[in-house]
Amino acid sequence: MKKQYTRWKTMNKVELLAPSGSLDRLKIAFLYGADAVYIGGRNFSLRANATNFSIEEIFDACSYAHNINKKVYVTVNIIFHNDNIEGLVDYLKELEACKVDAIISSDPMIIDVIKENNINLKIHLSTQMSCANTKSALFFKDLGVERVVLARECSRENIKSIIDNAKIEVETFVHGAMCSSYSGRCVLSNYFTKRDANRGGCAQICRWTFDLCDKNKNIIESDTKFTMSTKDLSMIDNLKDMIDIGITSLKIEGRMRSNYYIATVVSTYREAIDNYYNNTLTEEKIAYYKKVLNRVANRESISQFYNNFPGVEGQYFLGRQEISNQDFLGVVLDYDNDNHIVTLVQKNYFKPKDKVSMFGPSIETFDFEIPNIYDIDNNKLEVARHPEEIIKFKLDKKVYKDDIMRVKLD
């Protein structure tokens, strides 16, 4: 049975904004419920290690999104040095021709360039600017910025005050990784590796492990190592309140994340947001969503600065374990309605009698036990152990292309 959501027709409905590091991930994000995506071009964008988009791909992304009434924002958010500016005007004109819905930038110089060259682009202020107060929001509003992506270090009171007094669209992060420094203000990567974190080359020094020293600066021989890494952000517990105070857009971090991560996180927040507007977002549902979100990542997550200033509980100081789970089992390729046979591409190990779940944008999540499995040539298998192998099995419930099979939650 297809899932039917009640879509409230209001201009004030919160936007769910997802990351996309490739055209494939962009389509997954939209399929699983994102209202908009943010992407990076191959120039002037942070996350240099992401696949990123050529101009032709940005054009295709915008055409695809606009055909389904979705939006695409493009990051132009490096900290510009003189040697980074060459080609900027032409690039912005190309983005205008692609009809991107907005650019995300942290340098006021971009605003002047757009005005001086009569380029028709909306501007969102990047979180790299670390806007955290009303006067700053008003300053950029007066310059022509239409939305501010607030610093991740803002409290609820900060956010609400900016919304109430600056009267500007506000975007805040709802899920994903955090910076140990103010976003965009870290230079550790520059010093340790000569890779500029603010021009797309962050080496994530905050996640390295370091030896501990005694007061005489002698290295202590110990298995315990020091890190300065912060835990991830998860705001599912505060979702109702974030919508109530008037946030315009809820942003998921992760342009380098996998399709499975994007599908899981986007679909979870999509369902929670729709539950909110349908008045069905219960504590029981929130507890379930937390389980789903906790399983998809390999780092702990908290609400960070929203409710209070995080202390030691928000950091990894003395090491951590990041064990990747193998919950992601497969992606549906096809479903034979006549014979009730599902065909999927396998991603991780599974075998008959394993307890699994199926979820997707057009079905209610359901659990089942793996029956006998077969390869593409209908040979019976004892176990599916080869990633990317095509697997078939009987399944009485209808599923659709791009639905995902995962390990059943306890």
Protein backbone atom coordinates (compact mmCIF):
# COMPACT_ATOMS: atom_id res chain seq x y z
CA MET A 1 0.00 0.00 0.00
CA LYS A 2 1.43 3.36 -0.98
CA LYS A 3 2.17 5.84 1.77
CA GLN A 4 -0.05 8.94 1.67
CA TYR A 5 1.17 12.07 3.45
CA THR A 6 -1.03 15.09 4.08
CA ARG A 7 0.85 18.04 2.58
CA TRP A 8 -0.18 21.22 4.33
CA LYS A 9 -0.52 24.03 1.84
CA THR A 10 1.15 26.87 3.69
CA MET A 11 3.96 29.21 2.75
CA ASN A 12 5.37 28.74 6.24
CA LYS A 13 5.94 24.99 6.13
CA VAL A 14 9.52 24.27 7.12
CA GLU A 15 11.91 23.26 4.35
CA LEU A 16 13.90 20.02 4.63
CA LEU A 17 17.28 20.66 3.03
CA ALA A 18 19.59 17.75 2.17
CA PRO A 19 23.20 17.49 1.02
CA SER A 20 24.16 16.02 -2.35
CA GLY A 21 27.68 15.22 -3.48
CA SER A 22 26.61 13.82 -6.85
CA LEU A 23 23.65 13.76 -9.22
CA ASP A 24 22.80 10.25 -8.05
CA ARG A 25 22.65 11.35 -4.41
CA LEU A 26 20.60 14.41 -5.38
CA LYS A 27 17.95 12.15 -6.89
CA ILE A 28 17.98 9.91 -3.80
CA ALA A 29 17.56 12.95 -1.54
CA PHE A 30 14.53 14.14 -3.50
CA LEU A 31 13.08 10.65 -3.78
CA TYR A 32 13.24 10.20 -0.01
CA GLY A 33 11.61 13.51 0.81
CA ALA A 34 13.95 16.51 0.63
CA ASP A 35 12.36 19.80 -0.41
CA ALA A 36 15.70 21.21 -1.54
CA VAL A 37 19.32 20.15 -1.86
CA TYR A 38 22.59 22.01 -1.60
CA ILE A 39 25.44 21.04 -3.88
CA GLY A 40 28.95 22.21 -4.65
CA GLY A 41 30.43 23.09 -8.00
CA ARG A 42 33.96 22.17 -8.92
CA ASN A 43 35.10 25.73 -8.26
CA PHE A 44 34.76 28.08 -5.26
CA SER A 45 33.21 25.40 -3.03
CA LEU A 46 34.24 23.73 0.21
CA ARG A 47 34.36 19.92 0.42
CA ALA A 48 37.00 19.62 -2.30
CA ASN A 49 37.11 15.84 -1.73
CA ALA A 50 33.46 15.44 -2.69
CA THR A 51 32.64 14.48 -6.27
CA ASN A 52 30.99 17.87 -6.86
CA PHE A 53 29.15 19.07 -9.95
CA SER A 54 30.27 20.36 -13.32
CA ILE A 55 28.27 23.25 -14.80
CA GLU A 56 26.52 20.78 -17.08
CA GLU A 57 25.57 18.65 -14.09
CA ILE A 58 24.34 21.71 -12.16
CA PHE A 59 22.11 22.55 -15.13
CA ASP A 60 20.80 18.97 -15.18
CA ALA A 61 20.27 19.04 -11.40
CA CYS A 62 18.26 22.26 -11.57
CA SER A 63 16.16 21.03 -14.49
CA TYR A 64 15.42 17.77 -12.69
CA ALA A 65 14.58 19.55 -9.41
CA HIS A 66 12.36 22.21 -10.96
CA ASN A 67 10.38 19.59 -12.88
CA ILE A 68 9.35 18.08 -9.54
CA ASN A 69 8.92 21.45 -7.75
CA LYS A 70 12.12 21.15 -5.73
CA LYS A 71 15.03 23.55 -5.25
CA VAL A 72 18.80 23.51 -5.71
CA TYR A 73 21.24 25.74 -3.82
CA VAL A 74 24.90 25.92 -4.87
CA THR A 75 27.74 26.60 -2.46
CA VAL A 76 30.19 29.36 -3.38
CA ASN A 77 31.53 29.45 0.14
CA ILE A 78 35.31 29.34 0.23
CA ILE A 79 37.21 32.16 1.91
CA PHE A 80 38.44 33.97 -1.20
CA HIS A 81 42.07 34.99 -1.59
CA ASN A 82 43.17 37.17 -4.51
CA ASP A 83 44.27 34.14 -6.49
CA ASN A 84 40.82 32.52 -6.12
CA ILE A 85 38.81 35.29 -7.77
CA GLU A 86 39.77 34.69 -11.42
CA GLY A 87 36.78 33.31 -13.31
CA LEU A 88 34.28 34.11 -10.55
CA VAL A 89 32.07 36.46 -12.58
CA ASP A 90 31.78 33.99 -15.44
CA TYR A 91 31.00 31.19 -13.00
CA LEU A 92 28.23 33.18 -11.29
CA LYS A 93 26.72 34.00 -14.69
CA GLU A 94 26.78 30.29 -15.52
CA LEU A 95 24.94 29.55 -12.27
CA GLU A 96 22.39 32.20 -13.20
CA ALA A 97 21.91 30.51 -16.58
CA CYS A 98 21.41 27.17 -14.78
CA LYS A 99 18.59 28.85 -12.81
CA VAL A 100 19.90 27.78 -9.41
CA ASP A 101 17.50 28.82 -6.66
CA ALA A 102 20.22 30.48 -4.57
CA ILE A 103 23.95 30.46 -3.92
CA ILE A 104 25.38 29.95 -0.44
CA SER A 105 28.29 32.28 0.23
CA SER A 106 30.34 33.51 3.16
CA ASP A 107 32.22 36.40 1.53
CA PRO A 108 30.52 39.85 1.26
CA MET A 109 32.59 40.41 -1.87
CA ILE A 110 30.22 38.01 -3.67
CA ILE A 111 27.31 40.37 -3.00
CA ASP A 112 29.15 43.28 -4.63
CA VAL A 113 30.17 41.16 -7.62
CA ILE A 114 26.56 40.06 -8.19
CA LYS A 115 25.25 43.63 -7.95
CA GLU A 116 27.99 45.19 -10.09
CA ASN A 117 27.42 42.65 -12.87
CA ASN A 118 23.61 42.59 -12.67
CA ILE A 119 23.59 38.85 -12.01
CA ASN A 120 20.19 37.51 -10.99
CA LEU A 121 21.09 35.20 -8.09
CA LYS A 122 19.59 34.97 -4.62
CA ILE A 123 22.17 34.86 -1.84
CA HIS A 124 22.09 32.76 1.32
CA LEU A 125 24.73 33.54 3.92
CA SER A 126 26.83 30.45 4.63
CA THR A 127 27.35 29.11 8.13
CA GLN A 128 31.05 29.74 7.40
CA MET A 129 30.35 33.40 8.27
CA SER A 130 29.37 32.26 11.79
CA CYS A 131 26.39 34.62 12.02
CA ALA A 132 25.17 34.31 15.60
CA ASN A 133 23.41 37.59 16.47
CA THR A 134 20.59 39.84 15.27
CA LYS A 135 22.78 42.81 14.26
CA SER A 136 24.86 40.58 12.01
CA ALA A 137 21.73 39.14 10.40
CA LEU A 138 20.34 42.65 9.85
CA PHE A 139 23.66 43.80 8.38
CA PHE A 140 23.61 41.09 5.74
CA LYS A 141 19.89 41.54 5.14
CA ASP A 142 20.54 45.21 4.31
CA LEU A 143 23.21 44.09 1.83
CA GLY A 144 20.68 41.93 0.02
CA VAL A 145 21.05 38.49 1.62
CA GLU A 146 17.70 36.67 1.67
CA ARG A 147 18.57 33.90 4.14
CA VAL A 148 21.17 33.36 6.85
CA VAL A 149 22.50 29.92 7.68
CA LEU A 150 23.20 30.48 11.35
CA ALA A 151 26.32 29.38 13.17
CA ARG A 152 25.90 25.89 14.59
CA GLU A 153 26.89 27.33 17.96
CA CYS A 154 23.63 29.30 18.34
CA SER A 155 21.29 28.56 21.24
CA ARG A 156 17.53 28.39 20.95
CA GLU A 157 17.28 31.90 22.42
CA ASN A 158 19.79 33.21 19.84
CA ILE A 159 17.87 31.64 16.99
CA LYS A 160 14.46 32.84 18.15
CA SER A 161 15.71 36.39 18.75
CA ILE A 162 17.21 36.57 15.25
CA ILE A 163 13.98 35.25 13.68
CA ASP A 164 11.78 37.65 15.67
CA ASN A 165 13.91 40.76 15.25
CA ALA A 166 15.79 40.45 11.97
CA LYS A 167 12.72 39.28 10.01
CA ILE A 168 14.89 37.25 7.64
CA GLU A 169 14.77 33.62 6.56
CA VAL A 170 16.78 31.48 8.95
CA GLU A 171 18.33 28.11 8.17
CA THR A 172 19.83 25.92 10.88
CA PHE A 173 21.50 22.53 10.93
CA VAL A 174 19.31 19.70 12.19
CA HIS A 175 21.63 16.71 11.81
CA GLY A 176 25.23 15.78 11.05
CA ALA A 177 28.84 16.50 11.91
CA MET A 178 30.04 19.48 13.92
CA CYS A 179 33.24 21.52 13.81
CA SER A 180 35.45 21.69 16.88
CA SER A 181 36.00 25.34 16.06
CA TYR A 182 33.39 27.84 14.93
CA SER A 183 32.43 26.66 11.47
CA GLY A 184 34.79 28.26 8.98
CA ARG A 185 37.22 29.58 11.57
CA CYS A 186 39.54 26.57 11.93
CA VAL A 187 43.11 26.66 10.65
CA LEU A 188 44.42 23.42 12.18
CA SER A 189 44.38 21.73 8.79
CA ASN A 190 46.51 24.54 7.35
CA TYR A 191 49.16 24.14 10.05
CA PHE A 192 49.28 20.35 10.12
CA THR A 193 48.93 19.49 6.44
CA LYS A 194 49.02 22.79 4.46
CA ARG A 195 45.50 21.95 3.30
CA ASP A 196 43.25 25.00 3.72
CA ALA A 197 40.04 24.01 5.49
CA ASN A 198 38.44 27.25 4.38
CA ARG A 199 39.18 26.66 0.72
CA GLY A 200 37.93 23.07 0.55
CA GLY A 201 40.84 21.05 1.92
CA CYS A 202 39.98 20.21 5.54
CA ALA A 203 42.00 17.22 6.78
CA GLN A 204 39.81 16.90 9.92
CA ILE A 205 42.67 17.33 12.37
CA CYS A 206 40.14 17.41 15.21
CA ARG A 207 39.54 13.69 14.62
CA TRP A 208 43.21 12.75 14.80
CA THR A 209 44.59 11.10 17.94
CA PHE A 210 47.50 12.65 19.83
CA ASP A 211 49.93 11.40 22.48
CA LEU A 212 49.52 12.71 26.01
CA CYS A 213 52.52 14.38 27.71
CA ASP A 214 53.45 14.89 31.34
CA LYS A 215 54.25 18.30 32.82
CA ASN A 216 57.81 18.00 31.50
CA LYS A 217 56.49 17.45 27.98
CA ASN A 218 57.56 13.84 27.94
CA ILE A 219 55.23 11.50 26.07
CA ILE A 220 53.25 9.26 28.41
CA GLU A 221 53.37 5.65 27.30
CA SER A 222 49.70 4.75 27.27
CA ASP A 223 47.00 3.31 25.06
CA THR A 224 44.89 6.37 25.89
CA LYS A 225 45.12 9.07 23.26
CA PHE A 226 43.83 12.64 23.22
CA THR A 227 41.37 13.98 20.64
CA MET A 228 39.50 17.27 20.38
CA SER A 229 36.61 15.91 18.36
CA THR A 230 33.04 16.89 19.05
CA LYS A 231 30.12 14.51 18.88
CA ASP A 232 27.64 14.83 16.04
CA LEU A 233 24.45 16.89 16.01
CA SER A 234 20.97 15.38 16.17
CA MET A 235 17.93 17.58 16.75
CA ILE A 236 15.11 15.06 16.45
CA ASP A 237 14.20 15.66 20.11
CA ASN A 238 13.87 19.39 19.42
CA LEU A 239 12.17 19.19 16.03
CA LYS A 240 8.75 20.42 17.21
CA ASP A 241 10.26 23.44 18.92
CA MET A 242 12.50 24.31 15.98
CA ILE A 243 9.46 24.46 13.70
CA ASP A 244 7.39 26.33 16.30
CA ILE A 245 9.91 29.19 16.67
CA GLY A 246 9.82 29.87 12.94
CA ILE A 247 12.96 28.36 11.41
CA THR A 248 12.65 28.45 7.61
CA SER A 249 14.89 25.54 6.66
CA LEU A 250 16.25 22.50 8.49
CA LYS A 251 19.60 21.48 7.05
CA ILE A 252 21.20 18.04 7.06
CA GLU A 253 25.01 18.00 6.88
CA GLY A 254 26.92 15.56 4.71
CA ARG A 255 27.79 16.19 1.04
CA MET A 256 30.29 13.31 1.25
CA ARG A 257 27.85 10.86 2.86
CA SER A 258 26.57 7.68 1.21
CA ASN A 259 23.25 7.12 -0.57
CA TYR A 260 22.14 4.95 2.34
CA TYR A 261 22.90 7.67 4.88
CA ILE A 262 21.11 10.31 2.81
CA ALA A 263 18.06 8.09 2.25
CA THR A 264 17.82 7.12 5.92
CA VAL A 265 18.30 10.55 7.47
CA VAL A 266 16.17 12.41 4.93
CA SER A 267 13.28 9.92 5.12
CA THR A 268 13.37 9.95 8.93
CA TYR A 269 13.16 13.74 9.19
CA ARG A 270 10.64 13.86 6.34
CA GLU A 271 8.33 11.52 8.22
CA ALA A 272 8.85 13.37 11.50
CA ILE A 273 8.11 16.76 9.89
CA ASP A 274 4.97 15.42 8.21
CA ASN A 275 3.90 13.90 11.52
CA TYR A 276 4.31 17.35 13.10
CA TYR A 277 2.00 19.01 10.57
CA ASN A 278 -0.48 16.13 10.84
CA ASN A 279 -0.43 16.42 14.67
CA THR A 280 0.78 12.82 14.97
CA LEU A 281 4.38 13.33 16.14
CA THR A 282 4.30 11.36 19.40
CA GLU A 283 7.07 10.68 21.89
CA GLU A 284 6.92 7.04 20.86
CA LYS A 285 7.60 7.97 17.24
CA ILE A 286 10.44 10.29 18.22
CA ALA A 287 12.04 7.45 20.21
CA TYR A 288 11.83 5.22 17.13
CA TYR A 289 13.32 7.91 14.88
CA LYS A 290 16.21 8.30 17.32
CA LYS A 291 16.95 4.58 17.04
CA VAL A 292 17.00 4.80 13.26
CA LEU A 293 19.28 7.86 13.25
CA ASN A 294 21.62 6.41 15.87
CA ARG A 295 22.06 3.25 13.79
CA VAL A 296 22.92 4.98 10.53
CA ALA A 297 25.98 6.83 11.89
CA ASN A 298 29.04 5.53 13.72
CA ARG A 299 29.43 8.51 16.06
CA GLU A 300 27.35 9.55 19.05
CA SER A 301 25.07 12.56 18.64
CA ILE A 302 23.56 15.19 20.95
CA SER A 303 21.62 18.46 20.60
CA GLN A 304 24.84 20.47 21.03
CA PHE A 305 24.25 24.22 21.71
CA TYR A 306 20.48 24.38 21.25
CA ASN A 307 19.39 23.88 24.86
CA ASN A 308 22.59 24.69 26.74
CA PHE A 309 26.32 25.05 26.24
CA PRO A 310 27.72 21.52 25.82
CA GLY A 311 30.31 20.32 28.29
CA VAL A 312 32.56 17.28 28.33
CA GLU A 313 29.59 15.10 27.40
CA GLY A 314 29.59 16.72 23.98
CA GLN A 315 33.20 15.87 23.16
CA TYR A 316 35.50 12.94 22.53
CA PHE A 317 38.57 13.86 24.57
CA LEU A 318 40.14 10.51 25.34
CA GLY A 319 39.60 8.49 22.23
CA ARG A 320 36.57 6.92 20.68
CA GLN A 321 35.50 3.97 18.58
CA GLU A 322 33.92 4.52 15.20
CA ILE A 323 32.78 1.10 14.09
CA SER A 324 30.89 1.16 10.82
CA ASN A 325 27.79 -1.00 11.06
CA GLN A 326 26.66 -3.19 8.21
CA ASP A 327 22.96 -2.40 8.40
CA PHE A 328 22.71 -1.44 4.74
CA LEU A 329 21.88 -4.73 3.01
CA GLY A 330 20.57 -3.90 -0.44
CA VAL A 331 18.73 -1.64 -2.89
CA VAL A 332 15.68 -2.82 -4.81
CA LEU A 333 16.14 -2.96 -8.57
CA ASP A 334 12.82 -4.46 -9.56
CA TYR A 335 9.68 -6.21 -8.30
CA ASP A 336 7.82 -8.90 -10.26
CA ASN A 337 4.13 -8.33 -9.46
CA ASP A 338 3.03 -11.63 -10.95
CA ASN A 339 5.48 -13.89 -9.12
CA HIS A 340 6.15 -11.66 -6.09
CA ILE A 341 9.90 -11.74 -6.66
CA VAL A 342 12.13 -8.89 -5.55
CA THR A 343 15.45 -8.27 -7.28
CA LEU A 344 18.03 -6.19 -5.42
CA VAL A 345 21.69 -5.33 -5.52
CA GLN A 346 23.36 -6.56 -2.35
CA LYS A 347 25.47 -4.18 -0.24
CA ASN A 348 26.33 -6.22 2.86
CA TYR A 349 26.25 -9.81 4.07
CA PHE A 350 22.88 -11.49 4.73
CA LYS A 351 21.44 -15.01 4.60
CA PRO A 352 18.11 -16.85 4.82
CA LYS A 353 16.27 -16.47 8.16
CA ASP A 354 17.93 -13.11 8.93
CA LYS A 355 15.52 -10.51 10.33
CA VAL A 356 15.47 -7.42 8.13
CA SER A 357 13.42 -4.31 7.32
CA MET A 358 12.41 -2.68 4.05
CA PHE A 359 11.83 1.06 3.78
CA GLY A 360 11.24 3.51 0.97
CA PRO A 361 9.44 6.69 -0.07
CA SER A 362 6.31 4.88 -1.26
CA ILE A 363 5.91 2.16 1.40
CA GLU A 364 5.42 1.89 5.11
CA THR A 365 8.51 0.37 6.71
CA PHE A 366 7.98 -3.34 7.38
CA ASP A 367 9.99 -6.22 8.86
CA PHE A 368 10.34 -9.72 7.46
CA GLU A 369 12.53 -12.82 7.55
CA ILE A 370 14.78 -13.48 4.56
CA PRO A 371 13.50 -16.54 2.65
CA ASN A 372 15.57 -18.66 0.25
CA ILE A 373 17.81 -16.49 -1.89
CA TYR A 374 19.00 -16.91 -5.47
CA ASP A 375 21.55 -15.31 -7.76
CA ILE A 376 20.80 -13.71 -11.14
CA ASP A 377 20.89 -17.16 -12.79
CA ASN A 378 18.43 -18.58 -10.24
CA ASN A 379 21.08 -20.63 -8.44
CA LYS A 380 20.17 -21.11 -4.78
CA LEU A 381 22.62 -19.45 -2.38
CA GLU A 382 23.55 -20.31 1.19
CA VAL A 383 24.50 -16.68 1.87
CA ALA A 384 24.79 -13.34 0.05
CA ARG A 385 28.37 -12.33 0.72
CA HIS A 386 29.52 -10.47 -2.40
CA PRO A 387 28.74 -6.72 -2.47
CA GLU A 388 27.06 -5.58 -5.70
CA GLU A 389 25.82 -9.12 -6.48
CA ILE A 390 22.27 -9.31 -7.85
CA ILE A 391 20.04 -11.29 -5.47
CA LYS A 392 16.46 -12.53 -5.86
CA PHE A 393 13.93 -13.81 -3.35
CA LYS A 394 10.19 -14.10 -2.87
CA LEU A 395 8.47 -11.24 -1.06
CA ASP A 396 4.69 -11.01 -0.75
CA LYS A 397 4.62 -7.28 0.00
CA LYS A 398 5.09 -5.03 -2.99
CA VAL A 399 8.21 -2.88 -3.07
CA TYR A 400 9.55 -0.36 -5.57
CA LYS A 401 12.79 0.48 -7.32
CA ASP A 402 15.26 2.25 -4.97
CA ASP A 403 13.57 0.97 -1.79
CA ILE A 404 16.21 -0.11 0.72
CA MET A 405 16.67 -3.24 2.81
CA ARG A 406 18.47 -2.95 6.14
CA VAL A 407 19.05 -4.93 9.31
CA LYS A 408 15.98 -4.96 11.57
CA LEU A 409 16.21 -2.57 14.50
CA ASP A 410 16.22 -4.22 17.94
